[in-house]
Amino acid sequence: MAKVAFIGLGNMGGPMAANLVKKGFAVSAFDLSREAMAQAEAHGCALAASAAEATEGAETLISMLPGGEAVKGLFLGARGLLQALDDDVLVIDSSTIAANDARQLIAAAGERGLRAIDAPVSGGTAAAAAGTLSFMCGGDSGAVRAAEPYLKAMGTNIFHAGPAGSGQVAKICNNMLLAIHMLGTAEALQLGVDNGLDPRVLSEIMQASSGDNWSLDKYNPYPGVMEGVPASRGYTGGFSVALMQKDLGLAMDTAANSASSTPLGALAKNLYQLHGVDRETQQLDFSSIQNLFRRPAGD
């Protein structure tokens, strides 16, 4: 049984580690959160006292961390995890970070003779739980092929986007578009409601028309229209406003570096900043952007 070290057991990492166990991998897991560790143990993971301990005897290390600083802090430097890994360990970082941070990690791994790829994901917490994530991979083709058995245990779509950092570029392009069509969907639904339409009926009309999109079909932002999505449980769970703000920031940084024109992306970033002005709102699902367009009670 192949042993996998899994570092980072949050809303995405926890279900991903659980799916590896379901597919027959022995998973040694670590997270700073005791609650996350307890949930991982309940799903069959063996708990480690530290990230370094989790990697002992592992063939593959998968990380799912909140940002670039966390990734660099874990892996790089004289005391970084790369220095402690066995020479044949494959490193798969599924965090969403800046492409240059991913390139730095993969280059540092290469200097140690280790194979590494960036493999951020799309699909959200529901796909993480169902094992139907999409992986956007950057790195050497041989390393991506070596990672496939592990990725297939957690997802259904595996794309090799290009060399190191390419997975991150693909991810932020996707999430910028996601933010844009979620904003458009929320705005259109509110326009209809403000003019007397039932949001469920309007959704059905647009789903059968040229305005159809993923946010409308799979993740409807208007409360009560669709079961099983964050909008129908007070916008709890899912992909947070804070994470969408982070990804839109990465998209704008990438656009600046390549002198790309992204006016809609910039507007989306500004609107999500306007929406998520406090910590409470930042923890809500990103589809809560619907509230930015809703009229205050009594208006």
C-alpha atoms as a PDB file:
ATOM      1  CA  MET A   1       0.000   0.000   0.000  1.00  0.00           C
ATOM      2  CA  ALA A   2       1.530   3.304  -1.127  1.00  0.00           C
ATOM      3  CA  LYS A   3       1.992   5.847   1.661  1.00  0.00           C
ATOM      4  CA  VAL A   4       0.990   9.457   1.072  1.00  0.00           C
ATOM      5  CA  ALA A   5       1.823  12.390   3.328  1.00  0.00           C
ATOM      6  CA  PHE A   6      -0.945  15.014   3.279  1.00  0.00           C
ATOM      7  CA  ILE A   7      -0.312  18.475   4.720  1.00  0.00           C
ATOM      8  CA  GLY A   8      -3.267  20.865   5.071  1.00  0.00           C
ATOM      9  CA  LEU A   9      -6.657  19.408   6.008  1.00  0.00           C
ATOM     10  CA  GLY A  10      -9.023  22.348   5.549  1.00  0.00           C
ATOM     11  CA  ASN A  11     -12.336  22.447   3.679  1.00  0.00           C
ATOM     12  CA  MET A  12     -10.618  21.117   0.552  1.00  0.00           C
ATOM     13  CA  GLY A  13      -7.665  19.155   1.888  1.00  0.00           C
ATOM     14  CA  GLY A  14      -9.671  17.131   4.394  1.00  0.00           C
ATOM     15  CA  PRO A  15     -12.018  15.563   1.836  1.00  0.00           C
ATOM     16  CA  MET A  16      -9.132  15.052  -0.596  1.00  0.00           C
ATOM     17  CA  ALA A  17      -7.176  13.090   2.015  1.00  0.00           C
ATOM     18  CA  ALA A  18     -10.297  11.071   2.831  1.00  0.00           C
ATOM     19  CA  ASN A  19     -10.719  10.100  -0.818  1.00  0.00           C
ATOM     20  CA  LEU A  20      -7.126   8.891  -1.000  1.00  0.00           C
ATOM     21  CA  VAL A  21      -7.896   6.575   1.920  1.00  0.00           C
ATOM     22  CA  LYS A  22     -11.037   5.339   0.164  1.00  0.00           C
ATOM     23  CA  LYS A  23      -8.953   4.467  -2.895  1.00  0.00           C
ATOM     24  CA  GLY A  24      -6.558   2.359  -0.864  1.00  0.00           C
ATOM     25  CA  PHE A  25      -3.703   4.728  -0.055  1.00  0.00           C
ATOM     26  CA  ALA A  26      -2.198   4.877   3.418  1.00  0.00           C
ATOM     27  CA  VAL A  27      -2.395   8.562   4.351  1.00  0.00           C
ATOM     28  CA  SER A  28      -0.297  10.188   7.073  1.00  0.00           C
ATOM     29  CA  ALA A  29      -1.856  13.591   7.716  1.00  0.00           C
ATOM     30  CA  PHE A  30      -0.945  16.812   9.487  1.00  0.00           C
ATOM     31  CA  ASP A  31      -2.663  20.136  10.082  1.00  0.00           C
ATOM     32  CA  LEU A  32      -2.319  22.846  12.715  1.00  0.00           C
ATOM     33  CA  SER A  33      -6.058  22.540  13.469  1.00  0.00           C
ATOM     34  CA  ARG A  34      -6.986  19.896  16.027  1.00  0.00           C
ATOM     35  CA  GLU A  35     -10.532  19.776  14.663  1.00  0.00           C
ATOM     36  CA  ALA A  36      -9.248  19.107  11.140  1.00  0.00           C
ATOM     37  CA  MET A  37      -6.932  16.397  12.462  1.00  0.00           C
ATOM     38  CA  ALA A  38      -9.808  14.716  14.306  1.00  0.00           C
ATOM     39  CA  GLN A  39     -11.931  14.691  11.169  1.00  0.00           C
ATOM     40  CA  ALA A  40      -9.053  13.244   9.142  1.00  0.00           C
ATOM     41  CA  GLU A  41      -8.590  10.490  11.701  1.00  0.00           C
ATOM     42  CA  ALA A  42     -12.304   9.682  11.527  1.00  0.00           C
ATOM     43  CA  HIS A  43     -11.886   9.218   7.767  1.00  0.00           C
ATOM     44  CA  GLY A  44      -9.057   6.739   8.171  1.00  0.00           C
ATOM     45  CA  CYS A  45      -5.945   8.915   8.054  1.00  0.00           C
ATOM     46  CA  ALA A  46      -3.044   8.248  10.396  1.00  0.00           C
ATOM     47  CA  LEU A  47      -2.170  11.400  12.311  1.00  0.00           C
ATOM     48  CA  ALA A  48       1.352  12.805  12.490  1.00  0.00           C
ATOM     49  CA  ALA A  49       2.702  15.138  15.160  1.00  0.00           C
ATOM     50  CA  SER A  50       4.384  17.366  12.558  1.00  0.00           C
ATOM     51  CA  ALA A  51       4.688  17.848   8.817  1.00  0.00           C
ATOM     52  CA  ALA A  52       8.123  16.242   8.882  1.00  0.00           C
ATOM     53  CA  GLU A  53       6.787  13.199  10.724  1.00  0.00           C
ATOM     54  CA  ALA A  54       3.988  12.827   8.175  1.00  0.00           C
ATOM     55  CA  THR A  55       6.534  12.443   5.368  1.00  0.00           C
ATOM     56  CA  GLU A  56       8.495   9.621   6.996  1.00  0.00           C
ATOM     57  CA  GLY A  57       8.398   6.665   4.610  1.00  0.00           C
ATOM     58  CA  ALA A  58       6.040   8.442   2.219  1.00  0.00           C
ATOM     59  CA  GLU A  59       6.316   8.007  -1.538  1.00  0.00           C
ATOM     60  CA  THR A  60       4.335  11.153  -2.283  1.00  0.00           C
ATOM     61  CA  LEU A  61       3.683  14.414  -0.446  1.00  0.00           C
ATOM     62  CA  ILE A  62       0.531  16.410  -1.194  1.00  0.00           C
ATOM     63  CA  SER A  63       0.023  19.878   0.256  1.00  0.00           C
ATOM     64  CA  MET A  64      -3.125  22.009   0.303  1.00  0.00           C
ATOM     65  CA  LEU A  65      -2.303  25.261   2.070  1.00  0.00           C
ATOM     66  CA  PRO A  66      -3.992  28.700   2.214  1.00  0.00           C
ATOM     67  CA  GLY A  67      -1.378  30.764   0.360  1.00  0.00           C
ATOM     68  CA  GLY A  68       2.074  31.252  -1.050  1.00  0.00           C
ATOM     69  CA  GLU A  69       3.719  32.304   2.208  1.00  0.00           C
ATOM     70  CA  ALA A  70       2.490  29.136   3.903  1.00  0.00           C
ATOM     71  CA  VAL A  71       3.807  27.002   1.026  1.00  0.00           C
ATOM     72  CA  LYS A  72       7.213  28.666   1.014  1.00  0.00           C
ATOM     73  CA  GLY A  73       7.389  28.522   4.792  1.00  0.00           C
ATOM     74  CA  LEU A  74       6.714  24.790   4.749  1.00  0.00           C
ATOM     75  CA  PHE A  75       9.051  23.771   1.945  1.00  0.00           C
ATOM     76  CA  LEU A  76      11.850  26.292   1.463  1.00  0.00           C
ATOM     77  CA  GLY A  77      14.900  27.409   3.370  1.00  0.00           C
ATOM     78  CA  ALA A  78      17.502  25.563   5.363  1.00  0.00           C
ATOM     79  CA  ARG A  79      14.853  24.121   7.652  1.00  0.00           C
ATOM     80  CA  GLY A  80      12.243  23.633   4.923  1.00  0.00           C
ATOM     81  CA  LEU A  81      10.602  20.292   4.331  1.00  0.00           C
ATOM     82  CA  LEU A  82      12.393  19.798   1.015  1.00  0.00           C
ATOM     83  CA  GLN A  83      15.633  19.271   2.938  1.00  0.00           C
ATOM     84  CA  ALA A  84      14.110  16.450   4.987  1.00  0.00           C
ATOM     85  CA  LEU A  85      12.462  14.445   2.186  1.00  0.00           C
ATOM     86  CA  ASP A  86      13.812  11.193   0.839  1.00  0.00           C
ATOM     87  CA  ASP A  87      15.315  11.517  -2.626  1.00  0.00           C
ATOM     88  CA  ASP A  88      12.503   9.683  -4.437  1.00  0.00           C
ATOM     89  CA  VAL A  89       9.511  11.552  -2.957  1.00  0.00           C
ATOM     90  CA  LEU A  90       7.089  13.157  -5.433  1.00  0.00           C
ATOM     91  CA  VAL A  91       5.797  16.576  -4.314  1.00  0.00           C
ATOM     92  CA  ILE A  92       2.316  17.688  -5.401  1.00  0.00           C
ATOM     93  CA  ASP A  93       1.284  21.155  -4.242  1.00  0.00           C
ATOM     94  CA  SER A  94      -2.444  21.730  -4.752  1.00  0.00           C
ATOM     95  CA  SER A  95      -2.527  25.122  -3.030  1.00  0.00           C
ATOM     96  CA  THR A  96      -3.579  28.147  -5.064  1.00  0.00           C
ATOM     97  CA  ILE A  97      -0.546  30.441  -5.044  1.00  0.00           C
ATOM     98  CA  ALA A  98       1.275  32.858  -7.336  1.00  0.00           C
ATOM     99  CA  ALA A  99       2.781  31.174 -10.382  1.00  0.00           C
ATOM    100  CA  ASN A 100       6.219  32.503  -9.460  1.00  0.00           C
ATOM    101  CA  ASP A 101       5.933  30.932  -6.000  1.00  0.00           C
ATOM    102  CA  ALA A 102       5.112  27.600  -7.645  1.00  0.00           C
ATOM    103  CA  ARG A 103       8.091  27.950  -9.981  1.00  0.00           C
ATOM    104  CA  GLN A 104      10.332  28.692  -6.998  1.00  0.00           C
ATOM    105  CA  LEU A 105       9.130  25.583  -5.181  1.00  0.00           C
ATOM    106  CA  ILE A 106       9.550  23.322  -8.205  1.00  0.00           C
ATOM    107  CA  ALA A 107      13.016  24.726  -8.951  1.00  0.00           C
ATOM    108  CA  ALA A 108      14.105  24.199  -5.333  1.00  0.00           C
ATOM    109  CA  ALA A 109      12.808  20.639  -5.449  1.00  0.00           C
ATOM    110  CA  GLY A 110      14.719  20.055  -8.676  1.00  0.00           C
ATOM    111  CA  GLU A 111      17.932  21.248  -7.056  1.00  0.00           C
ATOM    112  CA  ARG A 112      17.477  18.463  -4.537  1.00  0.00           C
ATOM    113  CA  GLY A 113      16.719  15.956  -7.308  1.00  0.00           C
ATOM    114  CA  LEU A 114      13.049  15.751  -6.357  1.00  0.00           C
ATOM    115  CA  ARG A 115      10.110  15.722  -8.753  1.00  0.00           C
ATOM    116  CA  ALA A 116       7.460  18.365  -8.044  1.00  0.00           C
ATOM    117  CA  ILE A 117       4.382  19.810  -9.724  1.00  0.00           C
ATOM    118  CA  ASP A 118       1.864  22.535  -9.019  1.00  0.00           C
ATOM    119  CA  ALA A 119      -1.646  21.087  -9.198  1.00  0.00           C
ATOM    120  CA  PRO A 120      -4.317  23.555  -8.022  1.00  0.00           C
ATOM    121  CA  VAL A 121      -7.913  22.373  -8.169  1.00  0.00           C
ATOM    122  CA  SER A 122     -11.329  23.483  -9.327  1.00  0.00           C
ATOM    123  CA  GLY A 123     -14.741  22.245  -8.285  1.00  0.00           C
ATOM    124  CA  GLY A 124     -15.134  23.466  -4.723  1.00  0.00           C
ATOM    125  CA  THR A 125     -15.896  21.573  -1.553  1.00  0.00           C
ATOM    126  CA  ALA A 126     -18.661  19.462  -3.124  1.00  0.00           C
ATOM    127  CA  ALA A 127     -16.273  18.110  -5.764  1.00  0.00           C
ATOM    128  CA  ALA A 128     -13.561  17.609  -3.136  1.00  0.00           C
ATOM    129  CA  ALA A 129     -15.964  15.454  -1.115  1.00  0.00           C
ATOM    130  CA  ALA A 130     -17.213  13.568  -4.187  1.00  0.00           C
ATOM    131  CA  GLY A 131     -13.734  12.984  -5.595  1.00  0.00           C
ATOM    132  CA  THR A 132     -14.591  14.816  -8.821  1.00  0.00           C
ATOM    133  CA  LEU A 133     -12.115  17.698  -8.712  1.00  0.00           C
ATOM    134  CA  SER A 134     -10.343  19.067 -11.764  1.00  0.00           C
ATOM    135  CA  PHE A 135      -6.555  19.345 -11.438  1.00  0.00           C
ATOM    136  CA  MET A 136      -4.599  21.908 -13.443  1.00  0.00           C
ATOM    137  CA  CYS A 137      -0.990  20.761 -13.430  1.00  0.00           C
ATOM    138  CA  GLY A 138       2.247  22.569 -14.122  1.00  0.00           C
ATOM    139  CA  GLY A 139       5.641  20.919 -14.347  1.00  0.00           C
ATOM    140  CA  ASP A 140       7.592  18.240 -16.151  1.00  0.00           C
ATOM    141  CA  SER A 141       5.397  15.805 -18.085  1.00  0.00           C
ATOM    142  CA  GLY A 142       7.044  12.827 -16.391  1.00  0.00           C
ATOM    143  CA  ALA A 143       6.255  14.214 -12.955  1.00  0.00           C
ATOM    144  CA  VAL A 144       2.653  14.877 -13.973  1.00  0.00           C
ATOM    145  CA  ARG A 145       2.310  11.284 -15.206  1.00  0.00           C
ATOM    146  CA  ALA A 146       3.754  10.029 -11.908  1.00  0.00           C
ATOM    147  CA  ALA A 147       1.171  12.099 -10.033  1.00  0.00           C
ATOM    148  CA  GLU A 148      -1.824  10.789 -11.996  1.00  0.00           C
ATOM    149  CA  PRO A 149      -2.668   7.784  -9.767  1.00  0.00           C
ATOM    150  CA  TYR A 150      -2.956  10.090  -6.775  1.00  0.00           C
ATOM    151  CA  LEU A 151      -4.834  12.808  -8.631  1.00  0.00           C
ATOM    152  CA  LYS A 152      -7.289  10.288 -10.096  1.00  0.00           C
ATOM    153  CA  ALA A 153      -8.127   9.175  -6.565  1.00  0.00           C
ATOM    154  CA  MET A 154      -9.294  12.721  -5.826  1.00  0.00           C
ATOM    155  CA  GLY A 155     -10.579  13.995  -9.166  1.00  0.00           C
ATOM    156  CA  THR A 156     -11.947  13.160 -12.587  1.00  0.00           C
ATOM    157  CA  ASN A 157     -10.283  15.751 -14.813  1.00  0.00           C
ATOM    158  CA  ILE A 158      -6.494  16.066 -14.979  1.00  0.00           C
ATOM    159  CA  PHE A 159      -4.965  18.680 -17.259  1.00  0.00           C
ATOM    160  CA  HIS A 160      -1.290  19.296 -17.946  1.00  0.00           C
ATOM    161  CA  ALA A 161      -1.327  23.042 -18.530  1.00  0.00           C
ATOM    162  CA  GLY A 162       2.397  23.383 -19.250  1.00  0.00           C
ATOM    163  CA  PRO A 163       5.714  23.913 -17.425  1.00  0.00           C
ATOM    164  CA  ALA A 164       6.125  24.856 -13.764  1.00  0.00           C
ATOM    165  CA  GLY A 165       3.597  27.463 -12.639  1.00  0.00           C
ATOM    166  CA  SER A 166       1.214  26.837 -15.549  1.00  0.00           C
ATOM    167  CA  GLY A 167      -1.333  25.132 -13.317  1.00  0.00           C
ATOM    168  CA  GLN A 168      -1.514  28.267 -11.193  1.00  0.00           C
ATOM    169  CA  VAL A 169      -2.004  30.499 -14.240  1.00  0.00           C
ATOM    170  CA  ALA A 170      -4.845  28.267 -15.458  1.00  0.00           C
ATOM    171  CA  LYS A 171      -6.422  28.288 -12.005  1.00  0.00           C
ATOM    172  CA  ILE A 172      -6.493  32.062 -11.605  1.00  0.00           C
ATOM    173  CA  CYS A 173      -7.849  32.500 -15.159  1.00  0.00           C
ATOM    174  CA  ASN A 174     -10.644  30.070 -14.302  1.00  0.00           C
ATOM    175  CA  ASN A 175     -11.439  31.715 -10.981  1.00  0.00           C
ATOM    176  CA  MET A 176     -11.429  35.188 -12.457  1.00  0.00           C
ATOM    177  CA  LEU A 177     -14.045  34.012 -14.955  1.00  0.00           C
ATOM    178  CA  LEU A 178     -15.977  32.297 -12.146  1.00  0.00           C
ATOM    179  CA  ALA A 179     -16.139  35.573 -10.209  1.00  0.00           C
ATOM    180  CA  ILE A 180     -17.291  37.443 -13.297  1.00  0.00           C
ATOM    181  CA  HIS A 181     -20.150  35.110 -14.177  1.00  0.00           C
ATOM    182  CA  MET A 182     -21.214  34.790 -10.529  1.00  0.00           C
ATOM    183  CA  LEU A 183     -21.463  38.574 -10.340  1.00  0.00           C
ATOM    184  CA  GLY A 184     -23.434  38.724 -13.590  1.00  0.00           C
ATOM    185  CA  THR A 185     -25.773  35.971 -12.440  1.00  0.00           C
ATOM    186  CA  ALA A 186     -26.439  37.636  -9.069  1.00  0.00           C
ATOM    187  CA  GLU A 187     -27.020  41.020 -10.698  1.00  0.00           C
ATOM    188  CA  ALA A 188     -29.440  39.614 -13.296  1.00  0.00           C
ATOM    189  CA  LEU A 189     -31.408  37.616 -10.721  1.00  0.00           C
ATOM    190  CA  GLN A 190     -31.780  40.662  -8.504  1.00  0.00           C
ATOM    191  CA  LEU A 191     -32.940  42.796 -11.419  1.00  0.00           C
ATOM    192  CA  GLY A 192     -35.675  40.248 -12.090  1.00  0.00           C
ATOM    193  CA  VAL A 193     -36.709  40.000  -8.439  1.00  0.00           C
ATOM    194  CA  ASP A 194     -36.813  43.783  -8.091  1.00  0.00           C
ATOM    195  CA  ASN A 195     -39.248  43.809 -11.003  1.00  0.00           C
ATOM    196  CA  GLY A 196     -41.574  41.171  -9.609  1.00  0.00           C
ATOM    197  CA  LEU A 197     -40.159  37.917 -11.016  1.00  0.00           C
ATOM    198  CA  ASP A 198     -39.828  34.684  -9.077  1.00  0.00           C
ATOM    199  CA  PRO A 199     -36.063  33.944  -8.947  1.00  0.00           C
ATOM    200  CA  ARG A 200     -36.720  30.219  -9.486  1.00  0.00           C
ATOM    201  CA  VAL A 201     -38.751  30.880 -12.635  1.00  0.00           C
ATOM    202  CA  LEU A 202     -36.232  33.423 -13.905  1.00  0.00           C
ATOM    203  CA  SER A 203     -33.434  30.919 -13.322  1.00  0.00           C
ATOM    204  CA  GLU A 204     -35.274  28.307 -15.381  1.00  0.00           C
ATOM    205  CA  ILE A 205     -35.781  30.811 -18.189  1.00  0.00           C
ATOM    206  CA  MET A 206     -32.118  31.829 -18.282  1.00  0.00           C
ATOM    207  CA  GLN A 207     -30.964  28.199 -18.032  1.00  0.00           C
ATOM    208  CA  ALA A 208     -32.824  27.485 -21.259  1.00  0.00           C
ATOM    209  CA  SER A 209     -31.552  30.676 -22.891  1.00  0.00           C
ATOM    210  CA  SER A 210     -28.305  32.324 -23.901  1.00  0.00           C
ATOM    211  CA  GLY A 211     -27.542  33.539 -20.367  1.00  0.00           C
ATOM    212  CA  ASP A 212     -26.979  30.009 -19.067  1.00  0.00           C
ATOM    213  CA  ASN A 213     -23.756  29.493 -17.101  1.00  0.00           C
ATOM    214  CA  TRP A 214     -22.207  27.375 -14.307  1.00  0.00           C
ATOM    215  CA  SER A 215     -23.149  29.769 -11.497  1.00  0.00           C
ATOM    216  CA  LEU A 216     -26.781  29.669 -12.596  1.00  0.00           C
ATOM    217  CA  ASP A 217     -26.862  25.903 -13.237  1.00  0.00           C
ATOM    218  CA  LYS A 218     -24.769  24.447 -10.436  1.00  0.00           C
ATOM    219  CA  TYR A 219     -24.361  27.118  -7.736  1.00  0.00           C
ATOM    220  CA  ASN A 220     -27.358  29.422  -7.896  1.00  0.00           C
ATOM    221  CA  PRO A 221     -26.673  32.413  -5.615  1.00  0.00           C
ATOM    222  CA  TYR A 222     -30.290  33.320  -4.844  1.00  0.00           C
ATOM    223  CA  PRO A 223     -31.603  31.804  -1.579  1.00  0.00           C
ATOM    224  CA  GLY A 224     -34.241  29.107  -1.947  1.00  0.00           C
ATOM    225  CA  VAL A 225     -33.788  28.501  -5.657  1.00  0.00           C
ATOM    226  CA  MET A 226     -31.480  25.477  -5.527  1.00  0.00           C
ATOM    227  CA  GLU A 227     -31.099  22.842  -2.839  1.00  0.00           C
ATOM    228  CA  GLY A 228     -27.701  21.790  -1.527  1.00  0.00           C
ATOM    229  CA  VAL A 229     -25.832  24.985  -2.373  1.00  0.00           C
ATOM    230  CA  PRO A 230     -24.511  27.609   0.072  1.00  0.00           C
ATOM    231  CA  ALA A 231     -27.235  30.121  -0.855  1.00  0.00           C
ATOM    232  CA  SER A 232     -29.828  27.783   0.662  1.00  0.00           C
ATOM    233  CA  ARG A 233     -27.969  27.420   3.976  1.00  0.00           C
ATOM    234  CA  GLY A 234     -27.143  31.018   4.775  1.00  0.00           C
ATOM    235  CA  TYR A 235     -24.086  31.024   2.482  1.00  0.00           C
ATOM    236  CA  THR A 236     -22.162  28.787   4.887  1.00  0.00           C
ATOM    237  CA  GLY A 237     -19.544  26.336   3.655  1.00  0.00           C
ATOM    238  CA  GLY A 238     -18.171  26.304   0.149  1.00  0.00           C
ATOM    239  CA  PHE A 239     -15.537  28.660  -1.264  1.00  0.00           C
ATOM    240  CA  SER A 240     -15.168  31.719   0.930  1.00  0.00           C
ATOM    241  CA  VAL A 241     -15.273  35.372  -0.064  1.00  0.00           C
ATOM    242  CA  ALA A 242     -11.784  35.696   1.453  1.00  0.00           C
ATOM    243  CA  LEU A 243     -10.415  33.025  -0.874  1.00  0.00           C
ATOM    244  CA  MET A 244     -12.076  34.627  -3.898  1.00  0.00           C
ATOM    245  CA  GLN A 245     -10.531  37.957  -2.904  1.00  0.00           C
ATOM    246  CA  LYS A 246      -7.138  36.245  -2.719  1.00  0.00           C
ATOM    247  CA  ASP A 247      -7.529  34.591  -6.123  1.00  0.00           C
ATOM    248  CA  LEU A 248      -8.676  37.795  -7.797  1.00  0.00           C
ATOM    249  CA  GLY A 249      -5.645  39.526  -6.289  1.00  0.00           C
ATOM    250  CA  LEU A 250      -3.412  36.840  -7.807  1.00  0.00           C
ATOM    251  CA  ALA A 251      -5.173  37.291 -11.148  1.00  0.00           C
ATOM    252  CA  MET A 252      -4.577  41.038 -11.121  1.00  0.00           C
ATOM    253  CA  ASP A 253      -0.911  40.571 -10.150  1.00  0.00           C
ATOM    254  CA  THR A 254      -0.493  38.122 -13.024  1.00  0.00           C
ATOM    255  CA  ALA A 255      -2.200  40.524 -15.416  1.00  0.00           C
ATOM    256  CA  ALA A 256       0.112  43.334 -14.323  1.00  0.00           C
ATOM    257  CA  ASN A 257       3.184  41.167 -14.896  1.00  0.00           C
ATOM    258  CA  SER A 258       2.098  40.316 -18.435  1.00  0.00           C
ATOM    259  CA  ALA A 259       0.567  43.738 -19.224  1.00  0.00           C
ATOM    260  CA  SER A 260      -2.754  41.988 -19.908  1.00  0.00           C
ATOM    261  CA  SER A 261      -6.021  43.911 -20.142  1.00  0.00           C
ATOM    262  CA  THR A 262      -8.490  42.583 -17.538  1.00  0.00           C
ATOM    263  CA  PRO A 263     -11.090  45.311 -16.900  1.00  0.00           C
ATOM    264  CA  LEU A 264     -13.815  42.839 -15.887  1.00  0.00           C
ATOM    265  CA  GLY A 265     -11.417  41.027 -13.593  1.00  0.00           C
ATOM    266  CA  ALA A 266     -10.466  44.322 -11.974  1.00  0.00           C
ATOM    267  CA  LEU A 267     -14.131  45.218 -11.497  1.00  0.00           C
ATOM    268  CA  ALA A 268     -14.810  41.783  -9.991  1.00  0.00           C
ATOM    269  CA  LYS A 269     -11.930  42.274  -7.561  1.00  0.00           C
ATOM    270  CA  ASN A 270     -13.257  45.681  -6.509  1.00  0.00           C
ATOM    271  CA  LEU A 271     -16.804  44.373  -6.023  1.00  0.00           C
ATOM    272  CA  TYR A 272     -15.630  41.432  -3.906  1.00  0.00           C
ATOM    273  CA  GLN A 273     -13.552  43.830  -1.815  1.00  0.00           C
ATOM    274  CA  LEU A 274     -16.621  46.047  -1.386  1.00  0.00           C
ATOM    275  CA  HIS A 275     -18.704  43.013  -0.401  1.00  0.00           C
ATOM    276  CA  GLY A 276     -16.206  41.447   1.996  1.00  0.00           C
ATOM    277  CA  VAL A 277     -15.436  44.442   4.151  1.00  0.00           C
ATOM    278  CA  ASP A 278     -15.651  42.559   7.464  1.00  0.00           C
ATOM    279  CA  ARG A 279     -14.374  39.227   8.737  1.00  0.00           C
ATOM    280  CA  GLU A 280     -17.853  37.734   9.097  1.00  0.00           C
ATOM    281  CA  THR A 281     -18.692  38.354   5.457  1.00  0.00           C
ATOM    282  CA  GLN A 282     -15.290  37.138   4.315  1.00  0.00           C
ATOM    283  CA  GLN A 283     -16.070  33.716   5.799  1.00  0.00           C
ATOM    284  CA  LEU A 284     -19.305  33.372   3.796  1.00  0.00           C
ATOM    285  CA  ASP A 285     -19.377  31.533   0.486  1.00  0.00           C
ATOM    286  CA  PHE A 286     -18.476  33.687  -2.510  1.00  0.00           C
ATOM    287  CA  SER A 287     -22.025  33.335  -3.893  1.00  0.00           C
ATOM    288  CA  SER A 288     -23.080  35.640  -1.040  1.00  0.00           C
ATOM    289  CA  ILE A 289     -22.157  38.417  -3.470  1.00  0.00           C
ATOM    290  CA  GLN A 290     -25.902  38.261  -4.156  1.00  0.00           C
ATOM    291  CA  ASN A 291     -26.325  40.298  -0.965  1.00  0.00           C
ATOM    292  CA  LEU A 292     -24.409  43.178  -2.540  1.00  0.00           C
ATOM    293  CA  PHE A 293     -27.282  43.666  -4.966  1.00  0.00           C
ATOM    294  CA  ARG A 294     -30.242  42.987  -2.656  1.00  0.00           C
ATOM    295  CA  ARG A 295     -32.224  45.893  -1.273  1.00  0.00           C
ATOM    296  CA  PRO A 296     -32.208  46.433   2.485  1.00  0.00           C
ATOM    297  CA  ALA A 297     -35.374  45.219   4.228  1.00  0.00           C
ATOM    298  CA  GLY A 298     -38.142  47.811   4.010  1.00  0.00           C
ATOM    299  CA  ASP A 299     -36.909  49.488   0.817  1.00  0.00           C
END
